[in-house]
Amino acid sequence: MPDTNDLWPENIADSNLVTPITVLKEQAALLGEKTRQLVKGEVVTQTTGNLFVHYFYIAAPTLNYKFELFTLSHGVNFYPLVMRYLNDTISLPSESAFKDKLKEIFAAPHTLNVVHSILAQVRS
């Protein structure tokens, strides 16, 4: 067989990177578990040019309703990523800063109010 002139390194497919969307999907699933699937997190991703844009929704499937909590955008290298939340735009330089911000947002009175209000609608 002729030489294929493979110039790629052997370990090109080795990766242990955690993408922002992986973190978001994990958290979305956990919200569903905590509310017995009455309220769920939902993540929708779009690509625009060289950007990945992720929308995080709090959703009530039985009501066909969803509330946009925040939006993230990043390039192919993930960080820094830009988050839009409550009319603020924040640049987050690392995975740890991103997770810290998510923890803050999920515990915020605004988020709790949204989840509790949606739960009340679902239960009525």
PDB file of N, CA and C in Angstrom:
ATOM      1  N   MET A   1       0.830  -1.181   0.000  1.00  0.00           N
ATOM      2  CA  MET A   1       0.000   0.000   0.000  1.00  0.00           C
ATOM      3  C   MET A   1       0.873   1.243   0.000  1.00  0.00           C
ATOM      4  N   PRO A   2       0.412   2.259  -0.654  1.00  0.00           N
ATOM      5  CA  PRO A   2       1.201   3.489  -0.662  1.00  0.00           C
ATOM      6  C   PRO A   2       1.140   4.173   0.697  1.00  0.00           C
ATOM      7  N   ASP A   3       2.189   4.899   1.000  1.00  0.00           N
ATOM      8  CA  ASP A   3       2.262   5.679   2.231  1.00  0.00           C
ATOM      9  C   ASP A   3       1.171   6.754   2.197  1.00  0.00           C
ATOM     10  N   THR A   4       0.381   6.872   3.276  1.00  0.00           N
ATOM     11  CA  THR A   4      -0.723   7.833   3.293  1.00  0.00           C
ATOM     12  C   THR A   4      -0.286   9.236   3.713  1.00  0.00           C
ATOM     13  N   ASN A   5       0.968   9.380   4.088  1.00  0.00           N
ATOM     14  CA  ASN A   5       1.484  10.670   4.518  1.00  0.00           C
ATOM     15  C   ASN A   5       0.665  11.278   5.646  1.00  0.00           C
ATOM     16  N   ASP A   6       0.324  10.464   6.632  1.00  0.00           N
ATOM     17  CA  ASP A   6      -0.434  10.920   7.791  1.00  0.00           C
ATOM     18  C   ASP A   6       0.467  11.792   8.648  1.00  0.00           C
ATOM     19  N   LEU A   7       0.157  13.061   8.701  1.00  0.00           N
ATOM     20  CA  LEU A   7       0.970  14.010   9.452  1.00  0.00           C
ATOM     21  C   LEU A   7       0.366  14.373  10.804  1.00  0.00           C
ATOM     22  N   TRP A   8      -0.773  13.774  11.131  1.00  0.00           N
ATOM     23  CA  TRP A   8      -1.426  14.041  12.404  1.00  0.00           C
ATOM     24  C   TRP A   8      -0.763  13.254  13.529  1.00  0.00           C
ATOM     25  N   PRO A   9      -0.687  13.828  14.723  1.00  0.00           N
ATOM     26  CA  PRO A   9      -0.103  13.074  15.842  1.00  0.00           C
ATOM     27  C   PRO A   9      -1.022  11.928  16.258  1.00  0.00           C
ATOM     28  N   GLU A  10      -0.444  10.892  16.848  1.00  0.00           N
ATOM     29  CA  GLU A  10      -1.204   9.716  17.272  1.00  0.00           C
ATOM     30  C   GLU A  10      -2.288  10.063  18.288  1.00  0.00           C
ATOM     31  N   ASN A  11      -2.040  11.038  19.131  1.00  0.00           N
ATOM     32  CA  ASN A  11      -2.971  11.349  20.223  1.00  0.00           C
ATOM     33  C   ASN A  11      -3.969  12.456  19.862  1.00  0.00           C
ATOM     34  N   ILE A  12      -4.208  12.707  18.601  1.00  0.00           N
ATOM     35  CA  ILE A  12      -5.069  13.800  18.168  1.00  0.00           C
ATOM     36  C   ILE A  12      -6.494  13.684  18.723  1.00  0.00           C
ATOM     37  N   ALA A  13      -6.984  12.482  18.942  1.00  0.00           N
ATOM     38  CA  ALA A  13      -8.356  12.291  19.409  1.00  0.00           C
ATOM     39  C   ALA A  13      -8.467  12.209  20.930  1.00  0.00           C
ATOM     40  N   ASP A  14      -7.345  12.272  21.636  1.00  0.00           N
ATOM     41  CA  ASP A  14      -7.367  12.195  23.095  1.00  0.00           C
ATOM     42  C   ASP A  14      -7.778  13.545  23.678  1.00  0.00           C
ATOM     43  N   SER A  15      -8.870  13.564  24.400  1.00  0.00           N
ATOM     44  CA  SER A  15      -9.348  14.814  24.999  1.00  0.00           C
ATOM     45  C   SER A  15     -10.149  14.510  26.250  1.00  0.00           C
ATOM     46  N   ASN A  16      -9.935  15.290  27.275  1.00  0.00           N
ATOM     47  CA  ASN A  16     -10.730  15.168  28.490  1.00  0.00           C
ATOM     48  C   ASN A  16     -11.356  16.517  28.859  1.00  0.00           C
ATOM     49  N   LEU A  17     -11.531  17.379  27.866  1.00  0.00           N
ATOM     50  CA  LEU A  17     -12.119  18.691  28.097  1.00  0.00           C
ATOM     51  C   LEU A  17     -13.605  18.563  28.433  1.00  0.00           C
ATOM     52  N   VAL A  18     -14.074  19.394  29.344  1.00  0.00           N
ATOM     53  CA  VAL A  18     -15.489  19.452  29.693  1.00  0.00           C
ATOM     54  C   VAL A  18     -16.052  20.721  29.072  1.00  0.00           C
ATOM     55  N   THR A  19     -17.019  20.568  28.205  1.00  0.00           N
ATOM     56  CA  THR A  19     -17.582  21.718  27.505  1.00  0.00           C
ATOM     57  C   THR A  19     -18.599  22.434  28.386  1.00  0.00           C
ATOM     58  N   PRO A  20     -18.799  23.716  28.166  1.00  0.00           N
ATOM     59  CA  PRO A  20     -19.845  24.424  28.909  1.00  0.00           C
ATOM     60  C   PRO A  20     -21.227  23.794  28.732  1.00  0.00           C
ATOM     61  N   ILE A  21     -21.527  23.285  27.549  1.00  0.00           N
ATOM     62  CA  ILE A  21     -22.845  22.679  27.347  1.00  0.00           C
ATOM     63  C   ILE A  21     -22.999  21.396  28.166  1.00  0.00           C
ATOM     64  N   THR A  22     -21.928  20.676  28.401  1.00  0.00           N
ATOM     65  CA  THR A  22     -21.993  19.494  29.254  1.00  0.00           C
ATOM     66  C   THR A  22     -22.394  19.895  30.673  1.00  0.00           C
ATOM     67  N   VAL A  23     -21.771  20.946  31.178  1.00  0.00           N
ATOM     68  CA  VAL A  23     -22.100  21.450  32.515  1.00  0.00           C
ATOM     69  C   VAL A  23     -23.566  21.887  32.553  1.00  0.00           C
ATOM     70  N   LEU A  24     -24.008  22.621  31.536  1.00  0.00           N
ATOM     71  CA  LEU A  24     -25.394  23.098  31.499  1.00  0.00           C
ATOM     72  C   LEU A  24     -26.391  21.948  31.447  1.00  0.00           C
ATOM     73  N   LYS A  25     -26.122  20.942  30.636  1.00  0.00           N
ATOM     74  CA  LYS A  25     -27.045  19.807  30.525  1.00  0.00           C
ATOM     75  C   LYS A  25     -27.121  19.019  31.832  1.00  0.00           C
ATOM     76  N   GLU A  26     -25.981  18.892  32.521  1.00  0.00           N
ATOM     77  CA  GLU A  26     -25.983  18.217  33.826  1.00  0.00           C
ATOM     78  C   GLU A  26     -26.881  18.971  34.804  1.00  0.00           C
ATOM     79  N   GLN A  27     -26.742  20.293  34.839  1.00  0.00           N
ATOM     80  CA  GLN A  27     -27.535  21.102  35.757  1.00  0.00           C
ATOM     81  C   GLN A  27     -29.016  21.103  35.365  1.00  0.00           C
ATOM     82  N   ALA A  28     -29.288  21.107  34.094  1.00  0.00           N
ATOM     83  CA  ALA A  28     -30.671  21.040  33.625  1.00  0.00           C
ATOM     84  C   ALA A  28     -31.330  19.738  34.099  1.00  0.00           C
ATOM     85  N   ALA A  29     -30.621  18.638  33.980  1.00  0.00           N
ATOM     86  CA  ALA A  29     -31.146  17.346  34.416  1.00  0.00           C
ATOM     87  C   ALA A  29     -31.364  17.323  35.929  1.00  0.00           C
ATOM     88  N   LEU A  30     -30.451  17.939  36.673  1.00  0.00           N
ATOM     89  CA  LEU A  30     -30.586  17.968  38.132  1.00  0.00           C
ATOM     90  C   LEU A  30     -31.817  18.761  38.576  1.00  0.00           C
ATOM     91  N   LEU A  31     -32.141  19.845  37.879  1.00  0.00           N
ATOM     92  CA  LEU A  31     -33.348  20.596  38.217  1.00  0.00           C
ATOM     93  C   LEU A  31     -34.579  19.710  38.059  1.00  0.00           C
ATOM     94  N   GLY A  32     -34.623  18.948  36.977  1.00  0.00           N
ATOM     95  CA  GLY A  32     -35.738  18.022  36.778  1.00  0.00           C
ATOM     96  C   GLY A  32     -35.844  17.000  37.902  1.00  0.00           C
ATOM     97  N   GLU A  33     -34.707  16.467  38.320  1.00  0.00           N
ATOM     98  CA  GLU A  33     -34.710  15.491  39.419  1.00  0.00           C
ATOM     99  C   GLU A  33     -35.234  16.116  40.701  1.00  0.00           C
ATOM    100  N   LYS A  34     -34.813  17.346  40.994  1.00  0.00           N
ATOM    101  CA  LYS A  34     -35.190  18.013  42.243  1.00  0.00           C
ATOM    102  C   LYS A  34     -36.670  18.393  42.281  1.00  0.00           C
ATOM    103  N   THR A  35     -37.295  18.537  41.129  1.00  0.00           N
ATOM    104  CA  THR A  35     -38.705  18.945  41.080  1.00  0.00           C
ATOM    105  C   THR A  35     -39.608  17.810  40.588  1.00  0.00           C
ATOM    106  N   ARG A  36     -39.123  16.598  40.626  1.00  0.00           N
ATOM    107  CA  ARG A  36     -39.861  15.429  40.149  1.00  0.00           C
ATOM    108  C   ARG A  36     -40.345  15.619  38.722  1.00  0.00           C
ATOM    109  N   GLN A  37     -39.513  16.260  37.907  1.00  0.00           N
ATOM    110  CA  GLN A  37     -39.741  16.503  36.478  1.00  0.00           C
ATOM    111  C   GLN A  37     -40.887  17.477  36.194  1.00  0.00           C
ATOM    112  N   LEU A  38     -41.385  18.158  37.224  1.00  0.00           N
ATOM    113  CA  LEU A  38     -42.432  19.158  36.994  1.00  0.00           C
ATOM    114  C   LEU A  38     -41.842  20.406  36.341  1.00  0.00           C
ATOM    115  N   VAL A  39     -40.641  20.757  36.752  1.00  0.00           N
ATOM    116  CA  VAL A  39     -39.893  21.868  36.160  1.00  0.00           C
ATOM    117  C   VAL A  39     -38.545  21.311  35.756  1.00  0.00           C
ATOM    118  N   LYS A  40     -38.126  21.627  34.553  1.00  0.00           N
ATOM    119  CA  LYS A  40     -36.870  21.092  34.039  1.00  0.00           C
ATOM    120  C   LYS A  40     -36.004  22.221  33.515  1.00  0.00           C
ATOM    121  N   GLY A  41     -34.734  21.946  33.437  1.00  0.00           N
ATOM    122  CA  GLY A  41     -33.842  22.833  32.712  1.00  0.00           C
ATOM    123  C   GLY A  41     -33.802  22.372  31.272  1.00  0.00           C
ATOM    124  N   GLU A  42     -33.664  23.307  30.371  1.00  0.00           N
ATOM    125  CA  GLU A  42     -33.581  22.977  28.944  1.00  0.00           C
ATOM    126  C   GLU A  42     -32.470  23.827  28.344  1.00  0.00           C
ATOM    127  N   VAL A  43     -31.631  23.209  27.539  1.00  0.00           N
ATOM    128  CA  VAL A  43     -30.521  23.908  26.902  1.00  0.00           C
ATOM    129  C   VAL A  43     -30.693  23.827  25.392  1.00  0.00           C
ATOM    130  N   VAL A  44     -30.630  24.984  24.757  1.00  0.00           N
ATOM    131  CA  VAL A  44     -30.724  25.059  23.301  1.00  0.00           C
ATOM    132  C   VAL A  44     -29.458  25.734  22.810  1.00  0.00           C
ATOM    133  N   THR A  45     -28.832  25.150  21.803  1.00  0.00           N
ATOM    134  CA  THR A  45     -27.567  25.680  21.277  1.00  0.00           C
ATOM    135  C   THR A  45     -27.724  26.067  19.817  1.00  0.00           C
ATOM    136  N   GLN A  46     -27.148  27.198  19.486  1.00  0.00           N
ATOM    137  CA  GLN A  46     -27.071  27.643  18.098  1.00  0.00           C
ATOM    138  C   GLN A  46     -25.624  28.014  17.815  1.00  0.00           C
ATOM    139  N   THR A  47     -25.250  27.913  16.560  1.00  0.00           N
ATOM    140  CA  THR A  47     -23.936  28.396  16.159  1.00  0.00           C
ATOM    141  C   THR A  47     -24.141  29.590  15.243  1.00  0.00           C
ATOM    142  N   THR A  48     -23.338  30.595  15.499  1.00  0.00           N
ATOM    143  CA  THR A  48     -23.384  31.817  14.699  1.00  0.00           C
ATOM    144  C   THR A  48     -21.949  32.172  14.350  1.00  0.00           C
ATOM    145  N   GLY A  49     -21.595  32.001  13.091  1.00  0.00           N
ATOM    146  CA  GLY A  49     -20.203  32.247  12.711  1.00  0.00           C
ATOM    147  C   GLY A  49     -19.289  31.323  13.480  1.00  0.00           C
ATOM    148  N   ASN A  50     -18.361  31.899  14.221  1.00  0.00           N
ATOM    149  CA  ASN A  50     -17.422  31.107  15.028  1.00  0.00           C
ATOM    150  C   ASN A  50     -17.862  30.975  16.478  1.00  0.00           C
ATOM    151  N   LEU A  51     -19.068  31.395  16.788  1.00  0.00           N
ATOM    152  CA  LEU A  51     -19.554  31.361  18.164  1.00  0.00           C
ATOM    153  C   LEU A  51     -20.559  30.238  18.388  1.00  0.00           C
ATOM    154  N   PHE A  52     -20.494  29.670  19.586  1.00  0.00           N
ATOM    155  CA  PHE A  52     -21.513  28.763  20.088  1.00  0.00           C
ATOM    156  C   PHE A  52     -22.340  29.577  21.075  1.00  0.00           C
ATOM    157  N   VAL A  53     -23.655  29.549  20.918  1.00  0.00           N
ATOM    158  CA  VAL A  53     -24.544  30.288  21.810  1.00  0.00           C
ATOM    159  C   VAL A  53     -25.483  29.278  22.462  1.00  0.00           C
ATOM    160  N   HIS A  54     -25.490  29.272  23.804  1.00  0.00           N
ATOM    161  CA  HIS A  54     -26.317  28.339  24.568  1.00  0.00           C
ATOM    162  C   HIS A  54     -27.354  29.139  25.352  1.00  0.00           C
ATOM    163  N   TYR A  55     -28.605  28.734  25.232  1.00  0.00           N
ATOM    164  CA  TYR A  55     -29.700  29.354  25.967  1.00  0.00           C
ATOM    165  C   TYR A  55     -30.134  28.377  27.054  1.00  0.00           C
ATOM    166  N   PHE A  56     -30.189  28.846  28.299  1.00  0.00           N
ATOM    167  CA  PHE A  56     -30.631  27.998  29.399  1.00  0.00           C
ATOM    168  C   PHE A  56     -32.036  28.438  29.800  1.00  0.00           C
ATOM    169  N   TYR A  57     -32.974  27.517  29.678  1.00  0.00           N
ATOM    170  CA  TYR A  57     -34.370  27.790  30.002  1.00  0.00           C
ATOM    171  C   TYR A  57     -34.801  26.991  31.229  1.00  0.00           C
ATOM    172  N   ILE A  58     -35.705  27.578  31.993  1.00  0.00           N
ATOM    173  CA  ILE A  58     -36.445  26.844  33.006  1.00  0.00           C
ATOM    174  C   ILE A  58     -37.790  26.552  32.364  1.00  0.00           C
ATOM    175  N   ALA A  59     -38.112  25.267  32.260  1.00  0.00           N
ATOM    176  CA  ALA A  59     -39.266  24.859  31.460  1.00  0.00           C
ATOM    177  C   ALA A  59     -40.275  24.065  32.273  1.00  0.00           C
ATOM    178  N   ALA A  60     -41.540  24.238  31.902  1.00  0.00           N
ATOM    179  CA  ALA A  60     -42.638  23.440  32.448  1.00  0.00           C
ATOM    180  C   ALA A  60     -43.264  22.699  31.272  1.00  0.00           C
ATOM    181  N   PRO A  61     -42.820  21.479  31.020  1.00  0.00           N
ATOM    182  CA  PRO A  61     -43.306  20.740  29.843  1.00  0.00           C
ATOM    183  C   PRO A  61     -44.828  20.581  29.799  1.00  0.00           C
ATOM    184  N   THR A  62     -45.465  20.394  30.946  1.00  0.00           N
ATOM    185  CA  THR A  62     -46.915  20.186  30.933  1.00  0.00           C
ATOM    186  C   THR A  62     -47.679  21.451  30.567  1.00  0.00           C
ATOM    187  N   LEU A  63     -47.034  22.607  30.719  1.00  0.00           N
ATOM    188  CA  LEU A  63     -47.667  23.878  30.350  1.00  0.00           C
ATOM    189  C   LEU A  63     -47.191  24.396  28.999  1.00  0.00           C
ATOM    190  N   ASN A  64     -46.239  23.686  28.405  1.00  0.00           N
ATOM    191  CA  ASN A  64     -45.625  24.136  27.155  1.00  0.00           C
ATOM    192  C   ASN A  64     -45.066  25.553  27.330  1.00  0.00           C
ATOM    193  N   TYR A  65     -44.346  25.749  28.453  1.00  0.00           N
ATOM    194  CA  TYR A  65     -43.826  27.063  28.819  1.00  0.00           C
ATOM    195  C   TYR A  65     -42.348  26.957  29.130  1.00  0.00           C
ATOM    196  N   LYS A  66     -41.597  27.995  28.723  1.00  0.00           N
ATOM    197  CA  LYS A  66     -40.198  28.057  29.139  1.00  0.00           C
ATOM    198  C   LYS A  66     -39.779  29.500  29.339  1.00  0.00           C
ATOM    199  N   PHE A  67     -38.892  29.689  30.295  1.00  0.00           N
ATOM    200  CA  PHE A  67     -38.400  30.998  30.703  1.00  0.00           C
ATOM    201  C   PHE A  67     -36.890  31.028  30.483  1.00  0.00           C
ATOM    202  N   GLU A  68     -36.409  31.989  29.703  1.00  0.00           N
ATOM    203  CA  GLU A  68     -34.961  32.090  29.465  1.00  0.00           C
ATOM    204  C   GLU A  68     -34.296  32.685  30.694  1.00  0.00           C
ATOM    205  N   LEU A  69     -33.422  31.896  31.332  1.00  0.00           N
ATOM    206  CA  LEU A  69     -32.731  32.351  32.530  1.00  0.00           C
ATOM    207  C   LEU A  69     -31.453  33.111  32.188  1.00  0.00           C
ATOM    208  N   PHE A  70     -30.654  32.545  31.276  1.00  0.00           N
ATOM    209  CA  PHE A  70     -29.429  33.213  30.842  1.00  0.00           C
ATOM    210  C   PHE A  70     -28.981  32.652  29.505  1.00  0.00           C
ATOM    211  N   THR A  71     -28.014  33.343  28.916  1.00  0.00           N
ATOM    212  CA  THR A  71     -27.430  32.937  27.638  1.00  0.00           C
ATOM    213  C   THR A  71     -25.917  32.959  27.769  1.00  0.00           C
ATOM    214  N   LEU A  72     -25.269  31.985  27.163  1.00  0.00           N
ATOM    215  CA  LEU A  72     -23.796  31.924  27.120  1.00  0.00           C
ATOM    216  C   LEU A  72     -23.335  31.961  25.680  1.00  0.00           C
ATOM    217  N   SER A  73     -22.182  32.534  25.453  1.00  0.00           N
ATOM    218  CA  SER A  73     -21.559  32.417  24.128  1.00  0.00           C
ATOM    219  C   SER A  73     -20.063  32.236  24.310  1.00  0.00           C
ATOM    220  N   HIS A  74     -19.478  31.448  23.422  1.00  0.00           N
ATOM    221  CA  HIS A  74     -18.038  31.204  23.465  1.00  0.00           C
ATOM    222  C   HIS A  74     -17.557  30.746  22.099  1.00  0.00           C
ATOM    223  N   GLY A  75     -16.265  30.866  21.925  1.00  0.00           N
ATOM    224  CA  GLY A  75     -15.638  30.365  20.714  1.00  0.00           C
ATOM    225  C   GLY A  75     -15.292  28.903  20.854  1.00  0.00           C
ATOM    226  N   VAL A  76     -14.500  28.417  19.942  1.00  0.00           N
ATOM    227  CA  VAL A  76     -14.149  26.999  19.932  1.00  0.00           C
ATOM    228  C   VAL A  76     -13.354  26.595  21.184  1.00  0.00           C
ATOM    229  N   ASN A  77     -12.664  27.532  21.810  1.00  0.00           N
ATOM    230  CA  ASN A  77     -11.840  27.223  22.980  1.00  0.00           C
ATOM    231  C   ASN A  77     -12.553  27.395  24.315  1.00  0.00           C
ATOM    232  N   PHE A  78     -13.859  27.612  24.331  1.00  0.00           N
ATOM    233  CA  PHE A  78     -14.724  27.676  25.517  1.00  0.00           C
ATOM    234  C   PHE A  78     -14.534  28.932  26.374  1.00  0.00           C
ATOM    235  N   TYR A  79     -13.300  29.194  26.790  1.00  0.00           N
ATOM    236  CA  TYR A  79     -13.061  30.289  27.737  1.00  0.00           C
ATOM    237  C   TYR A  79     -12.074  31.283  27.153  1.00  0.00           C
ATOM    238  N   PRO A  80     -12.310  32.555  27.442  1.00  0.00           N
ATOM    239  CA  PRO A  80     -13.396  33.067  28.268  1.00  0.00           C
ATOM    240  C   PRO A  80     -14.733  32.921  27.548  1.00  0.00           C
ATOM    241  N   LEU A  81     -15.777  32.760  28.352  1.00  0.00           N
ATOM    242  CA  LEU A  81     -17.114  32.753  27.776  1.00  0.00           C
ATOM    243  C   LEU A  81     -17.852  33.985  28.279  1.00  0.00           C
ATOM    244  N   VAL A  82     -18.878  34.359  27.557  1.00  0.00           N
ATOM    245  CA  VAL A  82     -19.653  35.545  27.906  1.00  0.00           C
ATOM    246  C   VAL A  82     -21.050  35.096  28.309  1.00  0.00           C
ATOM    247  N   MET A  83     -21.501  35.569  29.470  1.00  0.00           N
ATOM    248  CA  MET A  83     -22.821  35.222  29.970  1.00  0.00           C
ATOM    249  C   MET A  83     -23.681  36.482  30.033  1.00  0.00           C
ATOM    250  N   ARG A  84     -24.908  36.351  29.560  1.00  0.00           N
ATOM    251  CA  ARG A  84     -25.903  37.424  29.712  1.00  0.00           C
ATOM    252  C   ARG A  84     -26.948  36.934  30.708  1.00  0.00           C
ATOM    253  N   TYR A  85     -27.099  37.700  31.806  1.00  0.00           N
ATOM    254  CA  TYR A  85     -28.042  37.332  32.858  1.00  0.00           C
ATOM    255  C   TYR A  85     -28.585  38.609  33.483  1.00  0.00           C
ATOM    256  N   LEU A  86     -29.896  38.763  33.506  1.00  0.00           N
ATOM    257  CA  LEU A  86     -30.544  39.937  34.106  1.00  0.00           C
ATOM    258  C   LEU A  86     -29.946  41.261  33.625  1.00  0.00           C
ATOM    259  N   ASN A  87     -29.866  41.439  32.348  1.00  0.00           N
ATOM    260  CA  ASN A  87     -29.358  42.680  31.741  1.00  0.00           C
ATOM    261  C   ASN A  87     -27.890  42.959  32.022  1.00  0.00           C
ATOM    262  N   ASP A  88     -27.166  41.989  32.557  1.00  0.00           N
ATOM    263  CA  ASP A  88     -25.715  42.114  32.751  1.00  0.00           C
ATOM    264  C   ASP A  88     -25.012  41.191  31.766  1.00  0.00           C
ATOM    265  N   THR A  89     -23.846  41.633  31.338  1.00  0.00           N
ATOM    266  CA  THR A  89     -22.982  40.791  30.511  1.00  0.00           C
ATOM    267  C   THR A  89     -21.693  40.587  31.285  1.00  0.00           C
ATOM    268  N   ILE A  90     -21.336  39.320  31.492  1.00  0.00           N
ATOM    269  CA  ILE A  90     -20.201  38.962  32.328  1.00  0.00           C
ATOM    270  C   ILE A  90     -19.252  38.088  31.528  1.00  0.00           C
ATOM    271  N   SER A  91     -17.966  38.370  31.620  1.00  0.00           N
ATOM    272  CA  SER A  91     -16.956  37.510  31.002  1.00  0.00           C
ATOM    273  C   SER A  91     -16.406  36.578  32.074  1.00  0.00           C
ATOM    274  N   LEU A  92     -16.424  35.289  31.786  1.00  0.00           N
ATOM    275  CA  LEU A  92     -15.936  34.289  32.737  1.00  0.00           C
ATOM    276  C   LEU A  92     -14.705  33.599  32.145  1.00  0.00           C
ATOM    277  N   PRO A  93     -13.565  33.707  32.834  1.00  0.00           N
ATOM    278  CA  PRO A  93     -12.298  33.282  32.256  1.00  0.00           C
ATOM    279  C   PRO A  93     -11.986  31.786  32.325  1.00  0.00           C
ATOM    280  N   SER A  94     -12.756  31.017  33.133  1.00  0.00           N
ATOM    281  CA  SER A  94     -12.380  29.616  33.338  1.00  0.00           C
ATOM    282  C   SER A  94     -13.602  28.777  33.697  1.00  0.00           C
ATOM    283  N   GLU A  95     -13.414  27.474  33.671  1.00  0.00           N
ATOM    284  CA  GLU A  95     -14.486  26.552  34.056  1.00  0.00           C
ATOM    285  C   GLU A  95     -14.884  26.761  35.513  1.00  0.00           C
ATOM    286  N   SER A  96     -13.926  26.979  36.386  1.00  0.00           N
ATOM    287  CA  SER A  96     -14.254  27.174  37.797  1.00  0.00           C
ATOM    288  C   SER A  96     -15.039  28.470  38.006  1.00  0.00           C
ATOM    289  N   ALA A  97     -14.673  29.547  37.314  1.00  0.00           N
ATOM    290  CA  ALA A  97     -15.423  30.804  37.416  1.00  0.00           C
ATOM    291  C   ALA A  97     -16.838  30.616  36.869  1.00  0.00           C
ATOM    292  N   PHE A  98     -16.982  29.849  35.801  1.00  0.00           N
ATOM    293  CA  PHE A  98     -18.281  29.551  35.205  1.00  0.00           C
ATOM    294  C   PHE A  98     -19.161  28.794  36.199  1.00  0.00           C
ATOM    295  N   LYS A  99     -18.625  27.747  36.806  1.00  0.00           N
ATOM    296  CA  LYS A  99     -19.396  26.950  37.769  1.00  0.00           C
ATOM    297  C   LYS A  99     -19.765  27.776  39.000  1.00  0.00           C
ATOM    298  N   ASP A 100     -18.846  28.622  39.462  1.00  0.00           N
ATOM    299  CA  ASP A 100     -19.153  29.495  40.600  1.00  0.00           C
ATOM    300  C   ASP A 100     -20.305  30.433  40.270  1.00  0.00           C
ATOM    301  N   LYS A 101     -20.302  30.982  39.061  1.00  0.00           N
ATOM    302  CA  LYS A 101     -21.374  31.892  38.646  1.00  0.00           C
ATOM    303  C   LYS A 101     -22.700  31.152  38.522  1.00  0.00           C
ATOM    304  N   LEU A 102     -22.670  29.931  37.984  1.00  0.00           N
ATOM    305  CA  LEU A 102     -23.898  29.140  37.899  1.00  0.00           C
ATOM    306  C   LEU A 102     -24.481  28.877  39.283  1.00  0.00           C
ATOM    307  N   LYS A 103     -23.619  28.526  40.227  1.00  0.00           N
ATOM    308  CA  LYS A 103     -24.072  28.259  41.594  1.00  0.00           C
ATOM    309  C   LYS A 103     -24.740  29.508  42.171  1.00  0.00           C
ATOM    310  N   GLU A 104     -24.152  30.661  41.928  1.00  0.00           N
ATOM    311  CA  GLU A 104     -24.712  31.928  42.392  1.00  0.00           C
ATOM    312  C   GLU A 104     -26.074  32.204  41.744  1.00  0.00           C
ATOM    313  N   ILE A 105     -26.164  32.002  40.438  1.00  0.00           N
ATOM    314  CA  ILE A 105     -27.417  32.246  39.714  1.00  0.00           C
ATOM    315  C   ILE A 105     -28.519  31.288  40.162  1.00  0.00           C
ATOM    316  N   PHE A 106     -28.187  30.011  40.312  1.00  0.00           N
ATOM    317  CA  PHE A 106     -29.200  29.025  40.686  1.00  0.00           C
ATOM    318  C   PHE A 106     -29.729  29.262  42.094  1.00  0.00           C
ATOM    319  N   ALA A 107     -28.931  29.872  42.970  1.00  0.00           N
ATOM    320  CA  ALA A 107     -29.367  30.156  44.342  1.00  0.00           C
ATOM    321  C   ALA A 107     -29.973  31.557  44.491  1.00  0.00           C
ATOM    322  N   ALA A 108     -29.941  32.350  43.435  1.00  0.00           N
ATOM    323  CA  ALA A 108     -30.407  33.737  43.504  1.00  0.00           C
ATOM    324  C   ALA A 108     -31.921  33.799  43.728  1.00  0.00           C
ATOM    325  N   PRO A 109     -32.390  34.807  44.460  1.00  0.00           N
ATOM    326  CA  PRO A 109     -33.833  34.973  44.676  1.00  0.00           C
ATOM    327  C   PRO A 109     -34.630  35.017  43.364  1.00  0.00           C
ATOM    328  N   HIS A 110     -34.082  35.654  42.348  1.00  0.00           N
ATOM    329  CA  HIS A 110     -34.767  35.729  41.047  1.00  0.00           C
ATOM    330  C   HIS A 110     -35.041  34.330  40.497  1.00  0.00           C
ATOM    331  N   THR A 111     -34.031  33.475  40.517  1.00  0.00           N
ATOM    332  CA  THR A 111     -34.177  32.115  39.986  1.00  0.00           C
ATOM    333  C   THR A 111     -35.152  31.310  40.836  1.00  0.00           C
ATOM    334  N   LEU A 112     -35.007  31.403  42.149  1.00  0.00           N
ATOM    335  CA  LEU A 112     -35.911  30.672  43.035  1.00  0.00           C
ATOM    336  C   LEU A 112     -37.356  31.115  42.824  1.00  0.00           C
ATOM    337  N   ASN A 113     -37.576  32.404  42.643  1.00  0.00           N
ATOM    338  CA  ASN A 113     -38.912  32.919  42.401  1.00  0.00           C
ATOM    339  C   ASN A 113     -39.487  32.351  41.097  1.00  0.00           C
ATOM    340  N   VAL A 114     -38.661  32.312  40.056  1.00  0.00           N
ATOM    341  CA  VAL A 114     -39.121  31.770  38.773  1.00  0.00           C
ATOM    342  C   VAL A 114     -39.504  30.298  38.917  1.00  0.00           C
ATOM    343  N   VAL A 115     -38.631  29.516  39.538  1.00  0.00           N
ATOM    344  CA  VAL A 115     -38.908  28.081  39.700  1.00  0.00           C
ATOM    345  C   VAL A 115     -40.150  27.877  40.555  1.00  0.00           C
ATOM    346  N   HIS A 116     -40.254  28.593  41.680  1.00  0.00           N
ATOM    347  CA  HIS A 116     -41.409  28.427  42.561  1.00  0.00           C
ATOM    348  C   HIS A 116     -42.706  28.844  41.869  1.00  0.00           C
ATOM    349  N   SER A 117     -42.659  29.918  41.100  1.00  0.00           N
ATOM    350  CA  SER A 117     -43.852  30.384  40.385  1.00  0.00           C
ATOM    351  C   SER A 117     -44.288  29.378  39.328  1.00  0.00           C
ATOM    352  N   ILE A 118     -43.329  28.832  38.614  1.00  0.00           N
ATOM    353  CA  ILE A 118     -43.663  27.829  37.594  1.00  0.00           C
ATOM    354  C   ILE A 118     -44.215  26.567  38.252  1.00  0.00           C
ATOM    355  N   LEU A 119     -43.610  26.146  39.371  1.00  0.00           N
ATOM    356  CA  LEU A 119     -44.125  24.983  40.098  1.00  0.00           C
ATOM    357  C   LEU A 119     -45.568  25.214  40.537  1.00  0.00           C
ATOM    358  N   ALA A 120     -45.860  26.399  41.033  1.00  0.00           N
ATOM    359  CA  ALA A 120     -47.219  26.703  41.452  1.00  0.00           C
ATOM    360  C   ALA A 120     -48.190  26.615  40.270  1.00  0.00           C
ATOM    361  N   GLN A 121     -47.788  27.099  39.117  1.00  0.00           N
ATOM    362  CA  GLN A 121     -48.636  27.015  37.914  1.00  0.00           C
ATOM    363  C   GLN A 121     -48.881  25.556  37.522  1.00  0.00           C
ATOM    364  N   VAL A 122     -47.830  24.766  37.576  1.00  0.00           N
ATOM    365  CA  VAL A 122     -47.947  23.358  37.183  1.00  0.00           C
ATOM    366  C   VAL A 122     -48.893  22.623  38.142  1.00  0.00           C
ATOM    367  N   ARG A 123     -48.806  22.946  39.430  1.00  0.00           N
ATOM    368  CA  ARG A 123     -49.588  22.230  40.437  1.00  0.00           C
ATOM    369  C   ARG A 123     -51.033  22.694  40.524  1.00  0.00           C
ATOM    370  N   SER A 124     -51.359  23.835  39.908  1.00  0.00           N
ATOM    371  CA  SER A 124     -52.735  24.363  40.051  1.00  0.00           C
ATOM    372  C   SER A 124     -53.711  23.708  39.085  1.00  0.00           C
TER     373      SER A 124
END
